[in-house]
Amino acid sequence: MRSTFIAIATAATAMVVGIATLPALAAVRHYNPTPSYNTCEALAIERGAVPGQGSGSNPYTQHNAFMRRCLAGEIPR
């Protein structure tokens, strides 16, 4: 009887600890670090924000804005 109680208590404790750590592990899986400059540069070219080809008085405005937002992590990859 005593060994059954210990086994049940141990299993319940392990289950509670396992359930408590699930959100922490899920957060690690979705961690999205800010991209590197080279990654943002490739994304800018791929998405049409090519340096020097914007309109207006400063042809780099569109590219610079894209790079700023990308390096801040606001542009989805």
PDB file of N, CA and C in Angstrom:
ATOM      1  N   MET A   1       0.814  -1.188   0.000  1.00  0.00           N
ATOM      2  CA  MET A   1       0.000   0.000   0.000  1.00  0.00           C
ATOM      3  C   MET A   1       0.861   1.256   0.000  1.00  0.00           C
ATOM      4  N   ARG A   2       1.897   1.238   0.835  1.00  0.00           N
ATOM      5  CA  ARG A   2       2.765   2.402   0.917  1.00  0.00           C
ATOM      6  C   ARG A   2       3.518   2.619  -0.395  1.00  0.00           C
ATOM      7  N   SER A   3       4.002   1.547  -1.022  1.00  0.00           N
ATOM      8  CA  SER A   3       4.726   1.688  -2.289  1.00  0.00           C
ATOM      9  C   SER A   3       3.797   2.183  -3.399  1.00  0.00           C
ATOM     10  N   THR A   4       2.533   1.809  -3.354  1.00  0.00           N
ATOM     11  CA  THR A   4       1.559   2.299  -4.334  1.00  0.00           C
ATOM     12  C   THR A   4       1.358   3.801  -4.161  1.00  0.00           C
ATOM     13  N   PHE A   5       1.241   4.250  -2.939  1.00  0.00           N
ATOM     14  CA  PHE A   5       1.078   5.673  -2.659  1.00  0.00           C
ATOM     15  C   PHE A   5       2.288   6.463  -3.154  1.00  0.00           C
ATOM     16  N   ILE A   6       3.485   5.960  -2.903  1.00  0.00           N
ATOM     17  CA  ILE A   6       4.711   6.637  -3.351  1.00  0.00           C
ATOM     18  C   ILE A   6       4.761   6.686  -4.875  1.00  0.00           C
ATOM     19  N   ALA A   7       4.370   5.605  -5.531  1.00  0.00           N
ATOM     20  CA  ALA A   7       4.385   5.571  -6.989  1.00  0.00           C
ATOM     21  C   ALA A   7       3.388   6.572  -7.568  1.00  0.00           C
ATOM     22  N   ILE A   8       2.193   6.645  -6.988  1.00  0.00           N
ATOM     23  CA  ILE A   8       1.178   7.591  -7.461  1.00  0.00           C
ATOM     24  C   ILE A   8       1.629   9.026  -7.220  1.00  0.00           C
ATOM     25  N   ALA A   9       2.195   9.300  -6.047  1.00  0.00           N
ATOM     26  CA  ALA A   9       2.675  10.651  -5.738  1.00  0.00           C
ATOM     27  C   ALA A   9       3.806  11.057  -6.678  1.00  0.00           C
ATOM     28  N   THR A  10       4.700  10.144  -6.975  1.00  0.00           N
ATOM     29  CA  THR A  10       5.816  10.438  -7.883  1.00  0.00           C
ATOM     30  C   THR A  10       5.302  10.718  -9.294  1.00  0.00           C
ATOM     31  N   ALA A  11       4.357   9.912  -9.755  1.00  0.00           N
ATOM     32  CA  ALA A  11       3.791  10.109 -11.100  1.00  0.00           C
ATOM     33  C   ALA A  11       3.051  11.437 -11.187  1.00  0.00           C
ATOM     34  N   ALA A  12       2.295  11.777 -10.157  1.00  0.00           N
ATOM     35  CA  ALA A  12       1.556  13.037 -10.154  1.00  0.00           C
ATOM     36  C   ALA A  12       2.507  14.223 -10.148  1.00  0.00           C
ATOM     37  N   THR A  13       3.574  14.141  -9.377  1.00  0.00           N
ATOM     38  CA  THR A  13       4.562  15.216  -9.340  1.00  0.00           C
ATOM     39  C   THR A  13       5.234  15.380 -10.696  1.00  0.00           C
ATOM     40  N   ALA A  14       5.588  14.278 -11.324  1.00  0.00           N
ATOM     41  CA  ALA A  14       6.226  14.344 -12.638  1.00  0.00           C
ATOM     42  C   ALA A  14       5.282  14.953 -13.663  1.00  0.00           C
ATOM     43  N   MET A  15       3.995  14.638 -13.577  1.00  0.00           N
ATOM     44  CA  MET A  15       3.032  15.185 -14.523  1.00  0.00           C
ATOM     45  C   MET A  15       2.877  16.683 -14.322  1.00  0.00           C
ATOM     46  N   VAL A  16       2.819  17.126 -13.069  1.00  0.00           N
ATOM     47  CA  VAL A  16       2.679  18.555 -12.784  1.00  0.00           C
ATOM     48  C   VAL A  16       3.905  19.311 -13.271  1.00  0.00           C
ATOM     49  N   VAL A  17       5.088  18.783 -13.045  1.00  0.00           N
ATOM     50  CA  VAL A  17       6.316  19.433 -13.505  1.00  0.00           C
ATOM     51  C   VAL A  17       6.351  19.467 -15.024  1.00  0.00           C
ATOM     52  N   GLY A  18       5.941  18.384 -15.674  1.00  0.00           N
ATOM     53  CA  GLY A  18       5.920  18.339 -17.133  1.00  0.00           C
ATOM     54  C   GLY A  18       4.956  19.340 -17.719  1.00  0.00           C
ATOM     55  N   ILE A  19       3.776  19.463 -17.126  1.00  0.00           N
ATOM     56  CA  ILE A  19       2.788  20.415 -17.623  1.00  0.00           C
ATOM     57  C   ILE A  19       3.258  21.844 -17.373  1.00  0.00           C
ATOM     58  N   ALA A  20       3.923  22.093 -16.282  1.00  0.00           N
ATOM     59  CA  ALA A  20       4.391  23.444 -15.960  1.00  0.00           C
ATOM     60  C   ALA A  20       5.486  23.910 -16.914  1.00  0.00           C
ATOM     61  N   THR A  21       6.254  23.002 -17.477  1.00  0.00           N
ATOM     62  CA  THR A  21       7.343  23.407 -18.356  1.00  0.00           C
ATOM     63  C   THR A  21       6.924  23.518 -19.818  1.00  0.00           C
ATOM     64  N   LEU A  22       5.744  23.054 -20.187  1.00  0.00           N
ATOM     65  CA  LEU A  22       5.318  23.116 -21.585  1.00  0.00           C
ATOM     66  C   LEU A  22       5.273  24.535 -22.147  1.00  0.00           C
ATOM     67  N   PRO A  23       4.692  25.527 -21.458  1.00  0.00           N
ATOM     68  CA  PRO A  23       4.688  26.875 -22.025  1.00  0.00           C
ATOM     69  C   PRO A  23       6.092  27.436 -22.246  1.00  0.00           C
ATOM     70  N   ALA A  24       7.000  27.118 -21.360  1.00  0.00           N
ATOM     71  CA  ALA A  24       8.374  27.609 -21.524  1.00  0.00           C
ATOM     72  C   ALA A  24       9.017  27.002 -22.761  1.00  0.00           C
ATOM     73  N   LEU A  25       8.782  25.748 -23.001  1.00  0.00           N
ATOM     74  CA  LEU A  25       9.342  25.112 -24.194  1.00  0.00           C
ATOM     75  C   LEU A  25       8.686  25.634 -25.464  1.00  0.00           C
ATOM     76  N   ALA A  26       7.392  25.925 -25.409  1.00  0.00           N
ATOM     77  CA  ALA A  26       6.709  26.464 -26.577  1.00  0.00           C
ATOM     78  C   ALA A  26       7.251  27.842 -26.929  1.00  0.00           C
ATOM     79  N   ALA A  27       7.597  28.636 -25.925  1.00  0.00           N
ATOM     80  CA  ALA A  27       8.136  29.959 -26.185  1.00  0.00           C
ATOM     81  C   ALA A  27       9.492  29.868 -26.884  1.00  0.00           C
ATOM     82  N   VAL A  28      10.272  28.898 -26.537  1.00  0.00           N
ATOM     83  CA  VAL A  28      11.580  28.740 -27.168  1.00  0.00           C
ATOM     84  C   VAL A  28      11.406  28.366 -28.630  1.00  0.00           C
ATOM     85  N   ARG A  29      10.419  27.567 -28.928  1.00  0.00           N
ATOM     86  CA  ARG A  29      10.204  27.139 -30.297  1.00  0.00           C
ATOM     87  C   ARG A  29       9.839  28.305 -31.213  1.00  0.00           C
ATOM     88  N   HIS A  30       9.148  29.306 -30.688  1.00  0.00           N
ATOM     89  CA  HIS A  30       8.704  30.428 -31.494  1.00  0.00           C
ATOM     90  C   HIS A  30       9.642  31.628 -31.414  1.00  0.00           C
ATOM     91  N   TYR A  31      10.794  31.453 -30.838  1.00  0.00           N
ATOM     92  CA  TYR A  31      11.748  32.553 -30.718  1.00  0.00           C
ATOM     93  C   TYR A  31      12.215  32.951 -32.111  1.00  0.00           C
ATOM     94  N   ASN A  32      12.091  34.213 -32.421  1.00  0.00           N
ATOM     95  CA  ASN A  32      12.451  34.697 -33.744  1.00  0.00           C
ATOM     96  C   ASN A  32      13.428  35.856 -33.592  1.00  0.00           C
ATOM     97  N   PRO A  33      14.724  35.585 -33.656  1.00  0.00           N
ATOM     98  CA  PRO A  33      15.687  36.674 -33.478  1.00  0.00           C
ATOM     99  C   PRO A  33      15.636  37.650 -34.645  1.00  0.00           C
ATOM    100  N   THR A  34      16.119  38.844 -34.409  1.00  0.00           N
ATOM    101  CA  THR A  34      16.144  39.820 -35.486  1.00  0.00           C
ATOM    102  C   THR A  34      17.114  39.346 -36.570  1.00  0.00           C
ATOM    103  N   PRO A  35      16.748  39.558 -37.814  1.00  0.00           N
ATOM    104  CA  PRO A  35      17.589  39.068 -38.913  1.00  0.00           C
ATOM    105  C   PRO A  35      18.868  39.886 -39.058  1.00  0.00           C
ATOM    106  N   SER A  36      19.822  39.302 -39.742  1.00  0.00           N
ATOM    107  CA  SER A  36      21.085  39.988 -39.985  1.00  0.00           C
ATOM    108  C   SER A  36      20.926  41.001 -41.116  1.00  0.00           C
ATOM    109  N   TYR A  37      21.913  41.836 -41.283  1.00  0.00           N
ATOM    110  CA  TYR A  37      21.886  42.826 -42.361  1.00  0.00           C
ATOM    111  C   TYR A  37      21.812  42.135 -43.717  1.00  0.00           C
ATOM    112  N   ASN A  38      22.580  41.065 -43.900  1.00  0.00           N
ATOM    113  CA  ASN A  38      22.589  40.361 -45.184  1.00  0.00           C
ATOM    114  C   ASN A  38      21.232  39.727 -45.491  1.00  0.00           C
ATOM    115  N   THR A  39      20.571  39.198 -44.471  1.00  0.00           N
ATOM    116  CA  THR A  39      19.245  38.632 -44.667  1.00  0.00           C
ATOM    117  C   THR A  39      18.258  39.704 -45.089  1.00  0.00           C
ATOM    118  N   CYS A  40      18.312  40.860 -44.436  1.00  0.00           N
ATOM    119  CA  CYS A  40      17.424  41.967 -44.791  1.00  0.00           C
ATOM    120  C   CYS A  40      17.719  42.493 -46.193  1.00  0.00           C
ATOM    121  N   GLU A  41      18.968  42.549 -46.551  1.00  0.00           N
ATOM    122  CA  GLU A  41      19.344  43.012 -47.894  1.00  0.00           C
ATOM    123  C   GLU A  41      18.773  42.075 -48.955  1.00  0.00           C
ATOM    124  N   ALA A  42      18.887  40.769 -48.725  1.00  0.00           N
ATOM    125  CA  ALA A  42      18.345  39.797 -49.674  1.00  0.00           C
ATOM    126  C   ALA A  42      16.828  39.904 -49.754  1.00  0.00           C
ATOM    127  N   LEU A  43      16.163  40.098 -48.609  1.00  0.00           N
ATOM    128  CA  LEU A  43      14.711  40.268 -48.607  1.00  0.00           C
ATOM    129  C   LEU A  43      14.299  41.536 -49.352  1.00  0.00           C
ATOM    130  N   ALA A  44      15.050  42.611 -49.170  1.00  0.00           N
ATOM    131  CA  ALA A  44      14.732  43.869 -49.846  1.00  0.00           C
ATOM    132  C   ALA A  44      14.787  43.696 -51.358  1.00  0.00           C
ATOM    133  N   ILE A  45      15.806  43.037 -51.837  1.00  0.00           N
ATOM    134  CA  ILE A  45      15.943  42.824 -53.282  1.00  0.00           C
ATOM    135  C   ILE A  45      14.842  41.890 -53.773  1.00  0.00           C
ATOM    136  N   GLU A  46      14.562  40.848 -53.009  1.00  0.00           N
ATOM    137  CA  GLU A  46      13.524  39.882 -53.386  1.00  0.00           C
ATOM    138  C   GLU A  46      12.143  40.526 -53.448  1.00  0.00           C
ATOM    139  N   ARG A  47      11.905  41.490 -52.567  1.00  0.00           N
ATOM    140  CA  ARG A  47      10.576  42.110 -52.486  1.00  0.00           C
ATOM    141  C   ARG A  47      10.471  43.443 -53.224  1.00  0.00           C
ATOM    142  N   GLY A  48      11.484  43.800 -53.966  1.00  0.00           N
ATOM    143  CA  GLY A  48      11.391  44.967 -54.828  1.00  0.00           C
ATOM    144  C   GLY A  48      11.834  46.284 -54.233  1.00  0.00           C
ATOM    145  N   ALA A  49      12.430  46.281 -53.064  1.00  0.00           N
ATOM    146  CA  ALA A  49      12.937  47.514 -52.466  1.00  0.00           C
ATOM    147  C   ALA A  49      14.432  47.609 -52.772  1.00  0.00           C
ATOM    148  N   VAL A  50      14.757  47.614 -54.046  1.00  0.00           N
ATOM    149  CA  VAL A  50      16.144  47.594 -54.510  1.00  0.00           C
ATOM    150  C   VAL A  50      16.786  48.959 -54.256  1.00  0.00           C
ATOM    151  N   PRO A  51      18.018  48.995 -53.760  1.00  0.00           N
ATOM    152  CA  PRO A  51      18.670  50.281 -53.495  1.00  0.00           C
ATOM    153  C   PRO A  51      18.889  51.078 -54.780  1.00  0.00           C
ATOM    154  N   GLY A  52      18.563  52.355 -54.718  1.00  0.00           N
ATOM    155  CA  GLY A  52      18.798  53.251 -55.842  1.00  0.00           C
ATOM    156  C   GLY A  52      17.722  53.229 -56.898  1.00  0.00           C
ATOM    157  N   GLN A  53      16.643  52.480 -56.703  1.00  0.00           N
ATOM    158  CA  GLN A  53      15.607  52.418 -57.731  1.00  0.00           C
ATOM    159  C   GLN A  53      14.253  52.915 -57.243  1.00  0.00           C
ATOM    160  N   GLY A  54      14.239  53.665 -56.151  1.00  0.00           N
ATOM    161  CA  GLY A  54      12.983  54.230 -55.668  1.00  0.00           C
ATOM    162  C   GLY A  54      12.622  55.480 -56.447  1.00  0.00           C
ATOM    163  N   SER A  55      11.421  55.967 -56.245  1.00  0.00           N
ATOM    164  CA  SER A  55      10.990  57.174 -56.948  1.00  0.00           C
ATOM    165  C   SER A  55      11.159  58.388 -56.037  1.00  0.00           C
ATOM    166  N   GLY A  56      11.046  59.559 -56.592  1.00  0.00           N
ATOM    167  CA  GLY A  56      11.150  60.782 -55.816  1.00  0.00           C
ATOM    168  C   GLY A  56      12.556  61.367 -55.865  1.00  0.00           C
ATOM    169  N   SER A  57      12.811  62.318 -54.983  1.00  0.00           N
ATOM    170  CA  SER A  57      14.094  63.007 -54.992  1.00  0.00           C
ATOM    171  C   SER A  57      15.221  62.142 -54.439  1.00  0.00           C
ATOM    172  N   ASN A  58      14.902  61.170 -53.565  1.00  0.00           N
ATOM    173  CA  ASN A  58      15.923  60.288 -53.009  1.00  0.00           C
ATOM    174  C   ASN A  58      15.584  58.845 -53.395  1.00  0.00           C
ATOM    175  N   PRO A  59      16.299  58.260 -54.348  1.00  0.00           N
ATOM    176  CA  PRO A  59      15.959  56.915 -54.810  1.00  0.00           C
ATOM    177  C   PRO A  59      16.237  55.819 -53.770  1.00  0.00           C
ATOM    178  N   TYR A  60      16.876  56.154 -52.666  1.00  0.00           N
ATOM    179  CA  TYR A  60      17.187  55.156 -51.637  1.00  0.00           C
ATOM    180  C   TYR A  60      16.173  55.139 -50.497  1.00  0.00           C
ATOM    181  N   THR A  61      15.166  56.012 -50.527  1.00  0.00           N
ATOM    182  CA  THR A  61      14.211  56.132 -49.431  1.00  0.00           C
ATOM    183  C   THR A  61      13.473  54.827 -49.169  1.00  0.00           C
ATOM    184  N   GLN A  62      12.955  54.207 -50.217  1.00  0.00           N
ATOM    185  CA  GLN A  62      12.191  52.970 -50.053  1.00  0.00           C
ATOM    186  C   GLN A  62      13.078  51.859 -49.483  1.00  0.00           C
ATOM    187  N   HIS A  63      14.284  51.741 -50.008  1.00  0.00           N
ATOM    188  CA  HIS A  63      15.205  50.707 -49.545  1.00  0.00           C
ATOM    189  C   HIS A  63      15.610  50.948 -48.088  1.00  0.00           C
ATOM    190  N   ASN A  64      15.919  52.176 -47.752  1.00  0.00           N
ATOM    191  CA  ASN A  64      16.319  52.494 -46.372  1.00  0.00           C
ATOM    192  C   ASN A  64      15.186  52.220 -45.381  1.00  0.00           C
ATOM    193  N   ALA A  65      13.966  52.559 -45.746  1.00  0.00           N
ATOM    194  CA  ALA A  65      12.823  52.310 -44.872  1.00  0.00           C
ATOM    195  C   ALA A  65      12.611  50.804 -44.685  1.00  0.00           C
ATOM    196  N   PHE A  66      12.739  50.057 -45.766  1.00  0.00           N
ATOM    197  CA  PHE A  66      12.592  48.605 -45.669  1.00  0.00           C
ATOM    198  C   PHE A  66      13.672  48.023 -44.764  1.00  0.00           C
ATOM    199  N   MET A  67      14.903  48.439 -44.945  1.00  0.00           N
ATOM    200  CA  MET A  67      16.014  47.917 -44.144  1.00  0.00           C
ATOM    201  C   MET A  67      15.829  48.250 -42.663  1.00  0.00           C
ATOM    202  N   ARG A  68      15.385  49.476 -42.372  1.00  0.00           N
ATOM    203  CA  ARG A  68      15.167  49.892 -40.987  1.00  0.00           C
ATOM    204  C   ARG A  68      14.113  48.995 -40.323  1.00  0.00           C
ATOM    205  N   ARG A  69      12.996  48.781 -41.028  1.00  0.00           N
ATOM    206  CA  ARG A  69      11.927  47.946 -40.477  1.00  0.00           C
ATOM    207  C   ARG A  69      12.351  46.487 -40.364  1.00  0.00           C
ATOM    208  N   CYS A  70      13.101  45.996 -41.328  1.00  0.00           N
ATOM    209  CA  CYS A  70      13.545  44.604 -41.312  1.00  0.00           C
ATOM    210  C   CYS A  70      14.504  44.360 -40.156  1.00  0.00           C
ATOM    211  N   LEU A  71      15.474  45.238 -39.969  1.00  0.00           N
ATOM    212  CA  LEU A  71      16.433  45.075 -38.887  1.00  0.00           C
ATOM    213  C   LEU A  71      15.790  45.218 -37.516  1.00  0.00           C
ATOM    214  N   ALA A  72      14.653  45.889 -37.456  1.00  0.00           N
ATOM    215  CA  ALA A  72      13.905  46.006 -36.201  1.00  0.00           C
ATOM    216  C   ALA A  72      13.030  44.780 -35.951  1.00  0.00           C
ATOM    217  N   GLY A  73      12.956  43.886 -36.937  1.00  0.00           N
ATOM    218  CA  GLY A  73      12.168  42.663 -36.793  1.00  0.00           C
ATOM    219  C   GLY A  73      10.709  42.831 -37.169  1.00  0.00           C
ATOM    220  N   GLU A  74      10.365  43.900 -37.876  1.00  0.00           N
ATOM    221  CA  GLU A  74       8.971  44.168 -38.236  1.00  0.00           C
ATOM    222  C   GLU A  74       8.559  43.537 -39.564  1.00  0.00           C
ATOM    223  N   ILE A  75       9.498  43.075 -40.358  1.00  0.00           N
ATOM    224  CA  ILE A  75       9.204  42.479 -41.657  1.00  0.00           C
ATOM    225  C   ILE A  75       9.219  40.961 -41.496  1.00  0.00           C
ATOM    226  N   PRO A  76       8.095  40.293 -41.822  1.00  0.00           N
ATOM    227  CA  PRO A  76       8.105  38.828 -41.726  1.00  0.00           C
ATOM    228  C   PRO A  76       8.973  38.211 -42.808  1.00  0.00           C
ATOM    229  N   ARG A  77       9.637  37.140 -42.448  1.00  0.00           N
ATOM    230  CA  ARG A  77      10.501  36.462 -43.409  1.00  0.00           C
ATOM    231  C   ARG A  77       9.775  35.396 -44.138  1.00  0.00           C
TER     232      ARG A  77
END
